[in-house]
Structure formats: structure tokens, C-alpha cells
Amino acid sequence: MSDLIRRAADLLRINGLRWQAIATGLDREVLVRVPEPGEWSAMECLNHAESTEEAVFAARLRVILTTGGTFPDFDPDAHPSNVNETGDPTALAASHARQRAASLGLIATVTEADLDRTGVHGSLGTVTARELLNEWAAHDTMHIVQAERSVMQGFIADAGPWRKFFWDHDVAARPARTDG
């Protein structure tokens, strides 16, 4: 097994445990807290991870490994936005865990030779299995960090003199975003 395949599988396995711990170890109020307008709560991050695990990442890898065909773009803003009000974090985590186990089984079938196989992304063009595995591991970790950063916000504000040590994570203390 190549280093990439092993490392990606290891990271996705560990992140799956992190998702489970976040969803089952924290109360709902902490999970649904939106750090600032336009950013996702931990619950929304988990929902996104659950929505993309099988339908996007595993599905794309299967296309690359089998037909090399085209797979569609994915719009992250199209997933249910009411998850904070109606979602069950434990159920989401359980669904994600089942999907992650299947994904890890799929990744275990990938060989070194498969890493250079290609598929066609709807908007990015030709991509390799190697690129997809890197994207999958980075994407999942990015949303774990985003979820954990969201959870941090409720504690940073009341950290008193220690707050300054959280400057790179404190959404209330940073300049307003400009998206234009």
C-alpha cells in the first residue's frame, strides 16, 4: 500500500472518530452555535461531512476506479440548511460512521497503480485518484477544524487574560470579512 493510501485512510479513520466524539460528547447548544454570520456551526459541518461521504467522495472514487467517466460538481450550499433546528447529531454521526467504514473498505482496495487513474470532474476537468484522495483527506480535516473552531467560540470570549492567545481563532476579535 502506498504512503498516500495508508495516510489518507489513517486520517479519515481518525477523523471519523473525531466526528463521533464531537456529535455525541457535546450538548446540542454547543453544536448548533454559529460562530458568525455566513459560517457553519459544528452541526452544519457534520451534516456536510455526512452528505458528502458516500454521495461525493466514495462515488467519485468508484467512477475513477471503474469507468473513468464524468461525475458532477457538488454545491455545498444545496445541503439542508435547517440541520441546526431539526438534525439529530447522534443520528448524523452514526450515519457518517457507517459510510466512513464503507469508504475505508473502498480505499483499502486502491492500489499504487490506481492512483494515476482518472475521472472527469464536472467543472475541474480531469482528476486522478491521487488528487481525489488528497482532496478527501484535506476536505474532511478542514471541516473538522471548522467544527472545532466553531465550538471554541463559546469559550474564547470568557477566557479573560488568556483570550489574547486565541487571536487566530477568535471570530469576535478579528476584522470583518470582505467578500468582494
Protein backbone atom coordinates (compact mmCIF):
# COMPACT_ATOMS: atom_id res chain seq x y z
CA MET A 1 0.00 0.00 0.00
CA SER A 2 1.36 3.41 -0.92
CA ASP A 3 2.09 6.03 1.71
CA LEU A 4 -0.72 8.22 0.35
CA ILE A 5 -3.32 5.46 0.53
CA ARG A 6 -2.27 4.49 4.06
CA ARG A 7 -2.02 8.09 5.29
CA ALA A 8 -5.35 9.13 3.77
CA ALA A 9 -7.07 6.07 5.26
CA ASP A 10 -5.46 6.68 8.66
CA LEU A 11 -6.53 10.32 8.69
CA LEU A 12 -10.08 9.55 7.56
CA ARG A 13 -10.35 6.81 10.21
CA ILE A 14 -9.14 9.18 12.96
CA ASN A 15 -11.38 11.99 11.71
CA GLY A 16 -14.35 9.61 11.80
CA LEU A 17 -13.68 9.07 15.49
CA ARG A 18 -13.39 12.85 15.97
CA TRP A 19 -16.76 13.40 14.27
CA GLN A 20 -18.28 10.76 16.54
CA ALA A 21 -16.78 12.38 19.66
CA ILE A 22 -17.96 15.86 18.70
CA ALA A 23 -21.51 14.73 17.92
CA THR A 24 -22.01 12.52 20.95
CA GLY A 25 -19.86 14.30 23.51
CA LEU A 26 -21.17 17.86 23.30
CA ASP A 27 -24.60 19.24 24.04
CA ARG A 28 -26.81 20.50 21.26
CA GLU A 29 -26.44 24.17 22.23
CA VAL A 30 -22.69 23.96 21.65
CA LEU A 31 -23.09 22.04 18.39
CA VAL A 32 -25.56 24.44 16.77
CA ARG A 33 -23.82 27.68 17.75
CA VAL A 34 -22.99 29.64 14.60
CA PRO A 35 -19.67 31.41 15.18
CA GLU A 36 -20.59 34.35 12.96
CA PRO A 37 -22.99 35.03 10.09
CA GLY A 38 -22.04 33.10 6.99
CA GLU A 39 -20.06 30.42 8.86
CA TRP A 40 -21.22 26.92 9.69
CA SER A 41 -21.88 25.52 13.14
CA ALA A 42 -20.29 22.23 14.17
CA MET A 43 -23.63 20.59 13.40
CA GLU A 44 -23.66 22.00 9.88
CA CYS A 45 -20.08 20.80 9.35
CA LEU A 46 -21.06 17.29 10.46
CA ASN A 47 -24.11 17.39 8.19
CA HIS A 48 -21.88 18.37 5.28
CA ALA A 49 -19.41 15.57 6.08
CA GLU A 50 -22.28 13.06 6.22
CA SER A 51 -23.80 14.42 2.99
CA THR A 52 -20.56 14.16 1.03
CA GLU A 53 -19.00 10.94 2.36
CA GLU A 54 -20.80 8.46 0.10
CA ALA A 55 -22.55 10.68 -2.41
CA VAL A 56 -19.46 12.66 -3.38
CA PHE A 57 -16.14 11.20 -2.30
CA ALA A 58 -16.76 7.45 -2.40
CA ALA A 59 -18.90 7.82 -5.53
CA ARG A 60 -16.16 9.77 -7.32
CA LEU A 61 -13.52 7.24 -6.33
CA ARG A 62 -15.70 4.43 -7.70
CA VAL A 63 -16.07 6.27 -11.01
CA ILE A 64 -12.31 6.76 -11.26
CA LEU A 65 -11.60 3.12 -10.38
CA THR A 66 -14.19 1.68 -12.78
CA THR A 67 -15.22 3.74 -15.80
CA GLY A 68 -13.06 6.84 -15.62
CA GLY A 69 -16.20 8.73 -16.54
CA THR A 70 -17.58 12.10 -15.56
CA PHE A 71 -19.00 12.95 -12.16
CA PRO A 72 -20.98 16.07 -11.33
CA ASP A 73 -19.92 19.13 -9.41
CA PHE A 74 -21.19 19.42 -5.83
CA ASP A 75 -22.81 22.56 -4.41
CA PRO A 76 -22.19 22.64 -0.64
CA ASP A 77 -24.86 25.30 -0.21
CA ALA A 78 -27.53 22.93 -1.54
CA HIS A 79 -27.46 20.64 1.50
CA PRO A 80 -30.23 21.10 4.08
CA SER A 81 -29.72 24.39 5.89
CA ASN A 82 -32.19 23.67 8.71
CA VAL A 83 -29.99 20.99 10.31
CA ASN A 84 -29.41 23.17 13.38
CA GLU A 85 -33.12 23.16 14.11
CA THR A 86 -34.06 19.62 13.12
CA GLY A 87 -30.96 17.46 12.91
CA ASP A 88 -30.07 14.78 15.42
CA PRO A 89 -26.29 14.88 15.95
CA THR A 90 -26.13 11.30 17.19
CA ALA A 91 -28.03 10.00 14.16
CA LEU A 92 -25.87 12.07 11.80
CA ALA A 93 -22.71 10.76 13.43
CA ALA A 94 -23.98 7.17 13.24
CA SER A 95 -24.83 7.55 9.55
CA HIS A 96 -21.45 9.12 8.89
CA ALA A 97 -19.69 6.31 10.79
CA ARG A 98 -21.43 3.65 8.65
CA GLN A 99 -20.49 5.49 5.48
CA ARG A 100 -16.92 6.07 6.67
CA ALA A 101 -16.46 2.37 7.39
CA ALA A 102 -17.58 1.56 3.84
CA SER A 103 -15.30 4.30 2.46
CA LEU A 104 -12.31 2.89 4.31
CA GLY A 105 -13.12 -0.52 2.82
CA LEU A 106 -13.20 1.05 -0.64
CA ILE A 107 -9.90 2.88 -0.08
CA ALA A 108 -8.32 -0.40 1.04
CA THR A 109 -8.92 -1.75 -2.48
CA VAL A 110 -6.95 1.07 -4.11
CA THR A 111 -3.52 0.08 -5.41
CA GLU A 112 -0.48 2.16 -6.24
CA ALA A 113 -1.31 1.74 -9.95
CA ASP A 114 -4.85 3.05 -9.35
CA LEU A 115 -3.54 6.39 -8.10
CA ASP A 116 -2.91 7.58 -11.65
CA ARG A 117 -6.34 6.52 -12.93
CA THR A 118 -8.54 9.44 -13.91
CA GLY A 119 -12.10 10.66 -13.98
CA VAL A 120 -13.63 13.90 -15.17
CA HIS A 121 -14.95 16.40 -12.62
CA GLY A 122 -17.91 18.43 -13.89
CA SER A 123 -16.12 21.77 -13.54
CA LEU A 124 -12.47 20.99 -12.75
CA GLY A 125 -11.81 18.61 -15.63
CA THR A 126 -9.57 15.55 -15.45
CA VAL A 127 -8.54 14.50 -11.96
CA THR A 128 -6.61 11.50 -10.65
CA ALA A 129 -7.39 9.12 -7.82
CA ARG A 130 -4.25 10.51 -6.15
CA GLU A 131 -5.67 14.04 -6.28
CA LEU A 132 -9.06 12.85 -5.03
CA LEU A 133 -7.56 11.04 -2.02
CA ASN A 134 -5.59 14.16 -1.12
CA GLU A 135 -8.70 16.32 -1.51
CA TRP A 136 -10.80 13.91 0.56
CA ALA A 137 -8.35 13.86 3.48
CA ALA A 138 -7.82 17.64 3.38
CA HIS A 139 -11.54 18.42 2.97
CA ASP A 140 -12.56 16.21 5.87
CA THR A 141 -9.86 17.65 8.13
CA MET A 142 -10.77 21.21 7.12
CA HIS A 143 -14.36 20.68 8.24
CA ILE A 144 -13.25 19.01 11.49
CA VAL A 145 -11.13 22.08 12.22
CA GLN A 146 -14.03 24.34 11.23
CA ALA A 147 -16.38 22.46 13.57
CA GLU A 148 -13.90 22.57 16.44
CA ARG A 149 -13.25 26.28 15.82
CA SER A 150 -16.99 26.89 15.99
CA VAL A 151 -17.17 25.06 19.32
CA MET A 152 -14.25 27.11 20.66
CA GLN A 153 -16.06 30.42 20.25
CA GLY A 154 -18.28 29.90 23.28
CA PHE A 155 -15.19 29.56 25.48
CA ILE A 156 -12.78 32.08 23.98
CA ALA A 157 -14.88 35.14 24.82
CA ASP A 158 -14.74 34.39 28.55
CA ALA A 159 -11.09 33.33 28.74
CA GLY A 160 -10.14 36.64 30.34
CA PRO A 161 -6.45 37.46 30.04
CA TRP A 162 -5.86 34.22 28.07
CA ARG A 163 -8.15 35.38 25.25
CA LYS A 164 -5.20 37.01 23.50
CA PHE A 165 -3.70 33.58 22.94
CA PHE A 166 -6.66 32.66 20.73
CA TRP A 167 -6.26 35.61 18.36
CA ASP A 168 -6.11 33.40 15.28
CA HIS A 169 -9.37 31.63 16.18
CA ASP A 170 -11.37 34.42 17.85
CA VAL A 171 -14.01 35.46 15.32
CA ALA A 172 -15.22 38.33 17.52
CA ALA A 173 -11.77 39.93 17.70
CA ARG A 174 -10.83 39.81 14.04
CA PRO A 175 -11.62 42.38 11.37
CA ALA A 176 -14.88 41.98 9.46
CA ARG A 177 -14.76 39.80 6.35
CA THR A 178 -14.83 41.45 2.97
CA ASP A 179 -16.06 39.20 0.20
CA GLY A 180 -15.59 41.44 -2.72
